[in-house]
Amino acid sequence: MPNYDYQCEKCGEVFEVFQSMKDEKLTDCPKEGCDGRVKRLLGTGAGLIFKGEGFYETDYRSDSYKAGEKKASEAGKVKKEGGEKKGESQPKKSSEPSS
């Protein structure tokens, strides 16, 4: 069950109520001596964090998307392997004129 924030339109009192999603919204200010109406404030949400596999973004991609990603990752590997080998150095060109 979520917490809901309410604010009284008359006295400005802000309060939080723990209630079911099925419950009716509050209408009257609970502050003693205040007969103002309250409105429910918009909350920031629960801040869910999904970790690991098994979520829509990664599991239900189209076959064409998966094929494109595979080609892109293979192309990246080829570029890295196709460069100079470690330990080998290219001869440096001299900028001095030869005699």
PDB file of N, CA and C in Angstrom:
ATOM      1  N   MET A   1       0.840  -1.187   0.000  1.00  0.00           N
ATOM      2  CA  MET A   1       0.000   0.000   0.000  1.00  0.00           C
ATOM      3  C   MET A   1       0.883   1.247   0.000  1.00  0.00           C
ATOM      4  N   PRO A   2       0.586   2.184  -0.869  1.00  0.00           N
ATOM      5  CA  PRO A   2       1.420   3.386  -0.989  1.00  0.00           C
ATOM      6  C   PRO A   2       1.060   4.490   0.001  1.00  0.00           C
ATOM      7  N   ASN A   3       1.985   5.405   0.132  1.00  0.00           N
ATOM      8  CA  ASN A   3       1.758   6.622   0.910  1.00  0.00           C
ATOM      9  C   ASN A   3       1.324   7.719  -0.059  1.00  0.00           C
ATOM     10  N   TYR A   4       0.342   8.492   0.337  1.00  0.00           N
ATOM     11  CA  TYR A   4      -0.124   9.601  -0.480  1.00  0.00           C
ATOM     12  C   TYR A   4       0.061  10.892   0.299  1.00  0.00           C
ATOM     13  N   ASP A   5       0.510  11.930  -0.412  1.00  0.00           N
ATOM     14  CA  ASP A   5       0.656  13.259   0.181  1.00  0.00           C
ATOM     15  C   ASP A   5      -0.581  14.082  -0.149  1.00  0.00           C
ATOM     16  N   TYR A   6      -1.060  14.799   0.852  1.00  0.00           N
ATOM     17  CA  TYR A   6      -2.212  15.680   0.695  1.00  0.00           C
ATOM     18  C   TYR A   6      -1.837  17.061   1.198  1.00  0.00           C
ATOM     19  N   GLN A   7      -2.528  18.082   0.675  1.00  0.00           N
ATOM     20  CA  GLN A   7      -2.333  19.447   1.162  1.00  0.00           C
ATOM     21  C   GLN A   7      -3.692  20.108   1.313  1.00  0.00           C
ATOM     22  N   CYS A   8      -3.854  20.770   2.466  1.00  0.00           N
ATOM     23  CA  CYS A   8      -5.096  21.490   2.732  1.00  0.00           C
ATOM     24  C   CYS A   8      -5.077  22.797   1.944  1.00  0.00           C
ATOM     25  N   GLU A   9      -6.180  23.079   1.263  1.00  0.00           N
ATOM     26  CA  GLU A   9      -6.266  24.308   0.474  1.00  0.00           C
ATOM     27  C   GLU A   9      -6.506  25.538   1.346  1.00  0.00           C
ATOM     28  N   LYS A  10      -6.969  25.321   2.581  1.00  0.00           N
ATOM     29  CA  LYS A  10      -7.271  26.451   3.473  1.00  0.00           C
ATOM     30  C   LYS A  10      -6.066  26.819   4.344  1.00  0.00           C
ATOM     31  N   CYS A  11      -5.536  25.851   5.106  1.00  0.00           N
ATOM     32  CA  CYS A  11      -4.450  26.157   6.044  1.00  0.00           C
ATOM     33  C   CYS A  11      -3.052  25.833   5.477  1.00  0.00           C
ATOM     34  N   GLY A  12      -2.985  25.130   4.359  1.00  0.00           N
ATOM     35  CA  GLY A  12      -1.693  24.822   3.744  1.00  0.00           C
ATOM     36  C   GLY A  12      -0.971  23.629   4.350  1.00  0.00           C
ATOM     37  N   GLU A  13      -1.593  22.964   5.323  1.00  0.00           N
ATOM     38  CA  GLU A  13      -0.983  21.803   5.988  1.00  0.00           C
ATOM     39  C   GLU A  13      -0.738  20.684   4.975  1.00  0.00           C
ATOM     40  N   VAL A  14       0.497  20.154   4.976  1.00  0.00           N
ATOM     41  CA  VAL A  14       0.840  19.017   4.117  1.00  0.00           C
ATOM     42  C   VAL A  14       1.011  17.799   5.010  1.00  0.00           C
ATOM     43  N   PHE A  15       0.356  16.704   4.649  1.00  0.00           N
ATOM     44  CA  PHE A  15       0.447  15.485   5.447  1.00  0.00           C
ATOM     45  C   PHE A  15       0.445  14.266   4.541  1.00  0.00           C
ATOM     46  N   GLU A  16       0.899  13.181   5.105  1.00  0.00           N
ATOM     47  CA  GLU A  16       1.032  11.930   4.363  1.00  0.00           C
ATOM     48  C   GLU A  16       0.083  10.890   4.950  1.00  0.00           C
ATOM     49  N   VAL A  17      -0.580  10.127   4.079  1.00  0.00           N
ATOM     50  CA  VAL A  17      -1.518   9.095   4.520  1.00  0.00           C
ATOM     51  C   VAL A  17      -1.157   7.784   3.844  1.00  0.00           C
ATOM     52  N   PHE A  18      -1.089   6.720   4.647  1.00  0.00           N
ATOM     53  CA  PHE A  18      -0.825   5.375   4.158  1.00  0.00           C
ATOM     54  C   PHE A  18      -2.167   4.726   3.893  1.00  0.00           C
ATOM     55  N   GLN A  19      -2.510   4.561   2.606  1.00  0.00           N
ATOM     56  CA  GLN A  19      -3.813   3.994   2.286  1.00  0.00           C
ATOM     57  C   GLN A  19      -3.743   3.145   1.021  1.00  0.00           C
ATOM     58  N   SER A  20      -4.713   2.274   0.887  1.00  0.00           N
ATOM     59  CA  SER A  20      -4.791   1.386  -0.264  1.00  0.00           C
ATOM     60  C   SER A  20      -5.092   2.196  -1.523  1.00  0.00           C
ATOM     61  N   MET A  21      -4.696   1.634  -2.674  1.00  0.00           N
ATOM     62  CA  MET A  21      -4.994   2.303  -3.941  1.00  0.00           C
ATOM     63  C   MET A  21      -6.494   2.301  -4.224  1.00  0.00           C
ATOM     64  N   LYS A  22      -7.208   1.384  -3.605  1.00  0.00           N
ATOM     65  CA  LYS A  22      -8.649   1.272  -3.809  1.00  0.00           C
ATOM     66  C   LYS A  22      -9.437   2.245  -2.944  1.00  0.00           C
ATOM     67  N   ASP A  23      -8.814   2.786  -1.897  1.00  0.00           N
ATOM     68  CA  ASP A  23      -9.504   3.707  -0.995  1.00  0.00           C
ATOM     69  C   ASP A  23      -9.838   5.014  -1.706  1.00  0.00           C
ATOM     70  N   GLU A  24     -10.923   5.636  -1.272  1.00  0.00           N
ATOM     71  CA  GLU A  24     -11.322   6.946  -1.806  1.00  0.00           C
ATOM     72  C   GLU A  24     -10.321   8.005  -1.354  1.00  0.00           C
ATOM     73  N   LYS A  25     -10.167   9.048  -2.158  1.00  0.00           N
ATOM     74  CA  LYS A  25      -9.305  10.172  -1.782  1.00  0.00           C
ATOM     75  C   LYS A  25      -9.893  10.882  -0.573  1.00  0.00           C
ATOM     76  N   LEU A  26      -9.023  11.429   0.265  1.00  0.00           N
ATOM     77  CA  LEU A  26      -9.490  12.221   1.402  1.00  0.00           C
ATOM     78  C   LEU A  26     -10.026  13.550   0.877  1.00  0.00           C
ATOM     79  N   THR A  27     -10.986  14.110   1.601  1.00  0.00           N
ATOM     80  CA  THR A  27     -11.566  15.388   1.185  1.00  0.00           C
ATOM     81  C   THR A  27     -11.459  16.469   2.257  1.00  0.00           C
ATOM     82  N   ASP A  28     -11.404  16.067   3.536  1.00  0.00           N
ATOM     83  CA  ASP A  28     -11.400  17.034   4.632  1.00  0.00           C
ATOM     84  C   ASP A  28     -10.057  17.051   5.347  1.00  0.00           C
ATOM     85  N   CYS A  29      -9.649  18.238   5.778  1.00  0.00           N
ATOM     86  CA  CYS A  29      -8.393  18.410   6.496  1.00  0.00           C
ATOM     87  C   CYS A  29      -8.502  17.756   7.881  1.00  0.00           C
ATOM     88  N   PRO A  30      -7.518  16.951   8.281  1.00  0.00           N
ATOM     89  CA  PRO A  30      -7.573  16.296   9.589  1.00  0.00           C
ATOM     90  C   PRO A  30      -7.136  17.210  10.741  1.00  0.00           C
ATOM     91  N   LYS A  31      -6.610  18.396  10.419  1.00  0.00           N
ATOM     92  CA  LYS A  31      -6.143  19.315  11.463  1.00  0.00           C
ATOM     93  C   LYS A  31      -7.343  19.837  12.257  1.00  0.00           C
ATOM     94  N   GLU A  32      -7.195  19.780  13.572  1.00  0.00           N
ATOM     95  CA  GLU A  32      -8.290  20.202  14.443  1.00  0.00           C
ATOM     96  C   GLU A  32      -8.593  21.696  14.252  1.00  0.00           C
ATOM     97  N   GLY A  33      -9.851  22.012  14.077  1.00  0.00           N
ATOM     98  CA  GLY A  33     -10.271  23.405  13.925  1.00  0.00           C
ATOM     99  C   GLY A  33     -10.237  23.893  12.489  1.00  0.00           C
ATOM    100  N   CYS A  34      -9.761  23.092  11.563  1.00  0.00           N
ATOM    101  CA  CYS A  34      -9.714  23.492  10.149  1.00  0.00           C
ATOM    102  C   CYS A  34     -10.775  22.698   9.400  1.00  0.00           C
ATOM    103  N   ASP A  35     -11.593  23.400   8.652  1.00  0.00           N
ATOM    104  CA  ASP A  35     -12.622  22.709   7.877  1.00  0.00           C
ATOM    105  C   ASP A  35     -12.350  22.808   6.372  1.00  0.00           C
ATOM    106  N   GLY A  36     -11.070  22.920   6.026  1.00  0.00           N
ATOM    107  CA  GLY A  36     -10.683  23.060   4.622  1.00  0.00           C
ATOM    108  C   GLY A  36     -10.721  21.747   3.859  1.00  0.00           C
ATOM    109  N   ARG A  37     -10.733  21.894   2.563  1.00  0.00           N
ATOM    110  CA  ARG A  37     -10.693  20.731   1.689  1.00  0.00           C
ATOM    111  C   ARG A  37      -9.242  20.412   1.358  1.00  0.00           C
ATOM    112  N   VAL A  38      -8.946  19.139   1.129  1.00  0.00           N
ATOM    113  CA  VAL A  38      -7.586  18.726   0.801  1.00  0.00           C
ATOM    114  C   VAL A  38      -7.525  18.209  -0.627  1.00  0.00           C
ATOM    115  N   LYS A  39      -6.345  18.325  -1.218  1.00  0.00           N
ATOM    116  CA  LYS A  39      -6.125  17.757  -2.547  1.00  0.00           C
ATOM    117  C   LYS A  39      -4.906  16.842  -2.480  1.00  0.00           C
ATOM    118  N   ARG A  40      -4.950  15.791  -3.257  1.00  0.00           N
ATOM    119  CA  ARG A  40      -3.835  14.843  -3.293  1.00  0.00           C
ATOM    120  C   ARG A  40      -2.739  15.420  -4.172  1.00  0.00           C
ATOM    121  N   LEU A  41      -1.511  15.380  -3.675  1.00  0.00           N
ATOM    122  CA  LEU A  41      -0.368  15.897  -4.418  1.00  0.00           C
ATOM    123  C   LEU A  41       0.245  14.788  -5.268  1.00  0.00           C
ATOM    124  N   LEU A  42       0.874  15.185  -6.343  1.00  0.00           N
ATOM    125  CA  LEU A  42       1.563  14.220  -7.186  1.00  0.00           C
ATOM    126  C   LEU A  42       2.865  13.821  -6.519  1.00  0.00           C
ATOM    127  N   GLY A  43       3.109  12.528  -6.448  1.00  0.00           N
ATOM    128  CA  GLY A  43       4.334  12.031  -5.828  1.00  0.00           C
ATOM    129  C   GLY A  43       5.404  11.770  -6.870  1.00  0.00           C
ATOM    130  N   THR A  44       6.596  11.469  -6.384  1.00  0.00           N
ATOM    131  CA  THR A  44       7.715  11.193  -7.288  1.00  0.00           C
ATOM    132  C   THR A  44       7.782   9.729  -7.665  1.00  0.00           C
ATOM    133  N   GLY A  45       6.994   8.883  -7.069  1.00  0.00           N
ATOM    134  CA  GLY A  45       7.009   7.465  -7.410  1.00  0.00           C
ATOM    135  C   GLY A  45       7.898   6.680  -6.490  1.00  0.00           C
ATOM    136  N   ALA A  46       7.985   5.403  -6.755  1.00  0.00           N
ATOM    137  CA  ALA A  46       8.695   4.503  -5.862  1.00  0.00           C
ATOM    138  C   ALA A  46      10.170   4.354  -6.200  1.00  0.00           C
ATOM    139  N   GLY A  47      10.592   4.760  -7.388  1.00  0.00           N
ATOM    140  CA  GLY A  47      11.995   4.637  -7.765  1.00  0.00           C
ATOM    141  C   GLY A  47      12.435   3.195  -7.895  1.00  0.00           C
ATOM    142  N   LEU A  48      11.759   2.423  -8.723  1.00  0.00           N
ATOM    143  CA  LEU A  48      12.091   1.020  -8.913  1.00  0.00           C
ATOM    144  C   LEU A  48      13.404   0.863  -9.669  1.00  0.00           C
ATOM    145  N   ILE A  49      14.166  -0.106  -9.287  1.00  0.00           N
ATOM    146  CA  ILE A  49      15.414  -0.414  -9.980  1.00  0.00           C
ATOM    147  C   ILE A  49      15.355  -1.871 -10.392  1.00  0.00           C
ATOM    148  N   PHE A  50      15.455  -2.114 -11.698  1.00  0.00           N
ATOM    149  CA  PHE A  50      15.450  -3.477 -12.203  1.00  0.00           C
ATOM    150  C   PHE A  50      16.884  -3.876 -12.517  1.00  0.00           C
ATOM    151  N   LYS A  51      17.333  -4.954 -11.918  1.00  0.00           N
ATOM    152  CA  LYS A  51      18.684  -5.436 -12.160  1.00  0.00           C
ATOM    153  C   LYS A  51      18.626  -6.835 -12.739  1.00  0.00           C
ATOM    154  N   GLY A  52      19.581  -7.147 -13.566  1.00  0.00           N
ATOM    155  CA  GLY A  52      19.671  -8.496 -14.105  1.00  0.00           C
ATOM    156  C   GLY A  52      18.906  -8.665 -15.402  1.00  0.00           C
ATOM    157  N   GLU A  53      18.858  -9.898 -15.853  1.00  0.00           N
ATOM    158  CA  GLU A  53      18.182 -10.216 -17.106  1.00  0.00           C
ATOM    159  C   GLU A  53      16.706 -10.474 -16.845  1.00  0.00           C
ATOM    160  N   GLY A  54      15.939 -10.533 -17.927  1.00  0.00           N
ATOM    161  CA  GLY A  54      14.540 -10.866 -17.805  1.00  0.00           C
ATOM    162  C   GLY A  54      13.616  -9.683 -17.910  1.00  0.00           C
ATOM    163  N   PHE A  55      14.076  -8.577 -18.478  1.00  0.00           N
ATOM    164  CA  PHE A  55      13.230  -7.411 -18.603  1.00  0.00           C
ATOM    165  C   PHE A  55      13.016  -7.073 -20.064  1.00  0.00           C
ATOM    166  N   TYR A  56      11.953  -6.418 -20.354  1.00  0.00           N
ATOM    167  CA  TYR A  56      11.502  -6.167 -21.717  1.00  0.00           C
ATOM    168  C   TYR A  56      12.564  -5.555 -22.624  1.00  0.00           C
ATOM    169  N   GLU A  57      13.265  -4.559 -22.160  1.00  0.00           N
ATOM    170  CA  GLU A  57      14.209  -3.857 -23.026  1.00  0.00           C
ATOM    171  C   GLU A  57      15.246  -4.776 -23.641  1.00  0.00           C
ATOM    172  N   THR A  58      15.686  -5.767 -22.903  1.00  0.00           N
ATOM    173  CA  THR A  58      16.742  -6.634 -23.419  1.00  0.00           C
ATOM    174  C   THR A  58      16.225  -7.955 -23.961  1.00  0.00           C
ATOM    175  N   ASP A  59      15.083  -8.417 -23.512  1.00  0.00           N
ATOM    176  CA  ASP A  59      14.613  -9.745 -23.886  1.00  0.00           C
ATOM    177  C   ASP A  59      13.714  -9.789 -25.108  1.00  0.00           C
ATOM    178  N   TYR A  60      12.992  -8.747 -25.381  1.00  0.00           N
ATOM    179  CA  TYR A  60      12.008  -8.806 -26.456  1.00  0.00           C
ATOM    180  C   TYR A  60      12.378  -7.920 -27.633  1.00  0.00           C
ATOM    181  N   ARG A  61      13.657  -7.818 -27.910  1.00  0.00           N
ATOM    182  CA  ARG A  61      14.103  -7.051 -29.072  1.00  0.00           C
ATOM    183  C   ARG A  61      13.763  -7.819 -30.336  1.00  0.00           C
ATOM    184  N   SER A  62      13.589  -7.080 -31.443  1.00  0.00           N
ATOM    185  CA  SER A  62      13.284  -7.738 -32.710  1.00  0.00           C
ATOM    186  C   SER A  62      14.529  -8.459 -33.223  1.00  0.00           C
ATOM    187  N   ASP A  63      14.302  -9.427 -34.104  1.00  0.00           N
ATOM    188  CA  ASP A  63      15.420 -10.187 -34.663  1.00  0.00           C
ATOM    189  C   ASP A  63      16.344  -9.294 -35.477  1.00  0.00           C
ATOM    190  N   SER A  64      15.781  -8.302 -36.179  1.00  0.00           N
ATOM    191  CA  SER A  64      16.621  -7.406 -36.973  1.00  0.00           C
ATOM    192  C   SER A  64      17.517  -6.555 -36.059  1.00  0.00           C
ATOM    193  N   TYR A  65      17.001  -6.140 -34.910  1.00  0.00           N
ATOM    194  CA  TYR A  65      17.809  -5.368 -33.960  1.00  0.00           C
ATOM    195  C   TYR A  65      18.953  -6.226 -33.422  1.00  0.00           C
ATOM    196  N   LYS A  66      18.634  -7.469 -33.046  1.00  0.00           N
ATOM    197  CA  LYS A  66      19.661  -8.364 -32.516  1.00  0.00           C
ATOM    198  C   LYS A  66      20.746  -8.626 -33.553  1.00  0.00           C
ATOM    199  N   ALA A  67      20.339  -8.808 -34.839  1.00  0.00           N
ATOM    200  CA  ALA A  67      21.308  -9.049 -35.910  1.00  0.00           C
ATOM    201  C   ALA A  67      22.212  -7.828 -36.098  1.00  0.00           C
ATOM    202  N   GLY A  68      21.643  -6.638 -36.050  1.00  0.00           N
ATOM    203  CA  GLY A  68      22.436  -5.414 -36.192  1.00  0.00           C
ATOM    204  C   GLY A  68      23.425  -5.240 -35.053  1.00  0.00           C
ATOM    205  N   GLU A  69      23.010  -5.539 -33.840  1.00  0.00           N
ATOM    206  CA  GLU A  69      23.900  -5.452 -32.676  1.00  0.00           C
ATOM    207  C   GLU A  69      25.038  -6.455 -32.788  1.00  0.00           C
ATOM    208  N   LYS A  70      24.741  -7.658 -33.273  1.00  0.00           N
ATOM    209  CA  LYS A  70      25.759  -8.691 -33.426  1.00  0.00           C
ATOM    210  C   LYS A  70      26.799  -8.252 -34.449  1.00  0.00           C
ATOM    211  N   LYS A  71      26.334  -7.685 -35.579  1.00  0.00           N
ATOM    212  CA  LYS A  71      27.267  -7.203 -36.613  1.00  0.00           C
ATOM    213  C   LYS A  71      28.132  -6.075 -36.063  1.00  0.00           C
ATOM    214  N   ALA A  72      27.523  -5.174 -35.311  1.00  0.00           N
ATOM    215  CA  ALA A  72      28.268  -4.036 -34.759  1.00  0.00           C
ATOM    216  C   ALA A  72      29.325  -4.501 -33.760  1.00  0.00           C
ATOM    217  N   SER A  73      28.998  -5.475 -32.935  1.00  0.00           N
ATOM    218  CA  SER A  73      29.973  -5.957 -31.956  1.00  0.00           C
ATOM    219  C   SER A  73      31.088  -6.732 -32.647  1.00  0.00           C
ATOM    220  N   GLU A  74      30.755  -7.483 -33.686  1.00  0.00           N
ATOM    221  CA  GLU A  74      31.793  -8.211 -34.435  1.00  0.00           C
ATOM    222  C   GLU A  74      32.703  -7.246 -35.169  1.00  0.00           C
ATOM    223  N   ALA A  75      32.140  -6.168 -35.722  1.00  0.00           N
ATOM    224  CA  ALA A  75      32.942  -5.172 -36.423  1.00  0.00           C
ATOM    225  C   ALA A  75      33.902  -4.482 -35.456  1.00  0.00           C
ATOM    226  N   GLY A  76      33.466  -4.248 -34.245  1.00  0.00           N
ATOM    227  CA  GLY A  76      34.329  -3.637 -33.230  1.00  0.00           C
ATOM    228  C   GLY A  76      35.480  -4.544 -32.862  1.00  0.00           C
ATOM    229  N   LYS A  77      35.242  -5.837 -32.789  1.00  0.00           N
ATOM    230  CA  LYS A  77      36.307  -6.795 -32.476  1.00  0.00           C
ATOM    231  C   LYS A  77      37.319  -6.855 -33.605  1.00  0.00           C
ATOM    232  N   VAL A  78      36.854  -6.819 -34.852  1.00  0.00           N
ATOM    233  CA  VAL A  78      37.752  -6.886 -35.997  1.00  0.00           C
ATOM    234  C   VAL A  78      38.648  -5.661 -36.032  1.00  0.00           C
ATOM    235  N   LYS A  79      38.109  -4.490 -35.757  1.00  0.00           N
ATOM    236  CA  LYS A  79      38.911  -3.264 -35.749  1.00  0.00           C
ATOM    237  C   LYS A  79      40.012  -3.342 -34.701  1.00  0.00           C
ATOM    238  N   LYS A  80      39.676  -3.838 -33.511  1.00  0.00           N
ATOM    239  CA  LYS A  80      40.664  -3.926 -32.439  1.00  0.00           C
ATOM    240  C   LYS A  80      41.753  -4.931 -32.783  1.00  0.00           C
ATOM    241  N   GLU A  81      41.382  -6.062 -33.370  1.00  0.00           N
ATOM    242  CA  GLU A  81      42.359  -7.096 -33.712  1.00  0.00           C
ATOM    243  C   GLU A  81      43.149  -6.739 -34.952  1.00  0.00           C
ATOM    244  N   GLY A  82      42.602  -5.951 -35.842  1.00  0.00           N
ATOM    245  CA  GLY A  82      43.250  -5.618 -37.107  1.00  0.00           C
ATOM    246  C   GLY A  82      44.330  -4.569 -36.983  1.00  0.00           C
ATOM    247  N   GLY A  83      44.474  -3.917 -35.866  1.00  0.00           N
ATOM    248  CA  GLY A  83      45.486  -2.884 -35.669  1.00  0.00           C
ATOM    249  C   GLY A  83      46.862  -3.492 -35.485  1.00  0.00           C
ATOM    250  N   GLU A  84      47.818  -2.670 -35.064  1.00  0.00           N
ATOM    251  CA  GLU A  84      49.180  -3.143 -34.829  1.00  0.00           C
ATOM    252  C   GLU A  84      49.209  -4.189 -33.736  1.00  0.00           C
ATOM    253  N   LYS A  85      50.083  -5.141 -33.889  1.00  0.00           N
ATOM    254  CA  LYS A  85      50.256  -6.149 -32.854  1.00  0.00           C
ATOM    255  C   LYS A  85      51.126  -5.572 -31.755  1.00  0.00           C
ATOM    256  N   LYS A  86      50.900  -6.018 -30.557  1.00  0.00           N
ATOM    257  CA  LYS A  86      51.685  -5.516 -29.440  1.00  0.00           C
ATOM    258  C   LYS A  86      53.135  -5.938 -29.597  1.00  0.00           C
ATOM    259  N   GLY A  87      54.050  -5.054 -29.255  1.00  0.00           N
ATOM    260  CA  GLY A  87      55.479  -5.359 -29.293  1.00  0.00           C
ATOM    261  C   GLY A  87      56.121  -4.995 -30.618  1.00  0.00           C
ATOM    262  N   GLU A  88      55.343  -4.845 -31.667  1.00  0.00           N
ATOM    263  CA  GLU A  88      55.914  -4.471 -32.963  1.00  0.00           C
ATOM    264  C   GLU A  88      55.779  -2.970 -33.117  1.00  0.00           C
ATOM    265  N   SER A  89      56.814  -2.355 -33.618  1.00  0.00           N
ATOM    266  CA  SER A  89      56.741  -0.922 -33.837  1.00  0.00           C
ATOM    267  C   SER A  89      57.058  -0.627 -35.295  1.00  0.00           C
ATOM    268  N   GLN A  90      56.440   0.393 -35.793  1.00  0.00           N
ATOM    269  CA  GLN A  90      56.657   0.814 -37.163  1.00  0.00           C
ATOM    270  C   GLN A  90      57.927   1.662 -37.210  1.00  0.00           C
ATOM    271  N   PRO A  91      58.726   1.526 -38.281  1.00  0.00           N
ATOM    272  CA  PRO A  91      59.911   2.387 -38.394  1.00  0.00           C
ATOM    273  C   PRO A  91      59.477   3.836 -38.524  1.00  0.00           C
ATOM    274  N   LYS A  92      60.204   4.709 -37.817  1.00  0.00           N
ATOM    275  CA  LYS A  92      59.873   6.128 -37.850  1.00  0.00           C
ATOM    276  C   LYS A  92      60.495   6.755 -39.087  1.00  0.00           C
ATOM    277  N   LYS A  93      59.752   7.635 -39.704  1.00  0.00           N
ATOM    278  CA  LYS A  93      60.258   8.347 -40.866  1.00  0.00           C
ATOM    279  C   LYS A  93      60.989   9.572 -40.393  1.00  0.00           C
ATOM    280  N   SER A  94      62.115   9.802 -40.936  1.00  0.00           N
ATOM    281  CA  SER A  94      62.917  10.945 -40.557  1.00  0.00           C
ATOM    282  C   SER A  94      62.507  12.138 -41.388  1.00  0.00           C
ATOM    283  N   SER A  95      62.451  13.292 -40.774  1.00  0.00           N
ATOM    284  CA  SER A  95      62.101  14.494 -41.505  1.00  0.00           C
ATOM    285  C   SER A  95      63.344  15.194 -42.042  1.00  0.00           C
ATOM    286  N   GLU A  96      64.530  14.654 -41.696  1.00  0.00           N
ATOM    287  CA  GLU A  96      65.779  15.237 -42.171  1.00  0.00           C
ATOM    288  C   GLU A  96      66.064  14.728 -43.590  1.00  0.00           C
ATOM    289  N   PRO A  97      66.578  15.607 -44.456  1.00  0.00           N
ATOM    290  CA  PRO A  97      66.909  15.172 -45.816  1.00  0.00           C
ATOM    291  C   PRO A  97      68.104  14.220 -45.774  1.00  0.00           C
ATOM    292  N   SER A  98      68.054  13.217 -46.617  1.00  0.00           N
ATOM    293  CA  SER A  98      69.161  12.258 -46.674  1.00  0.00           C
ATOM    294  C   SER A  98      70.259  12.792 -47.584  1.00  0.00           C
ATOM    295  N   SER A  99      71.529  12.458 -47.286  1.00  0.00           N
ATOM    296  CA  SER A  99      72.647  12.980 -48.077  1.00  0.00           C
ATOM    297  C   SER A  99      73.129  12.022 -49.097  1.00  0.00           C
TER     298      SER A  99
END
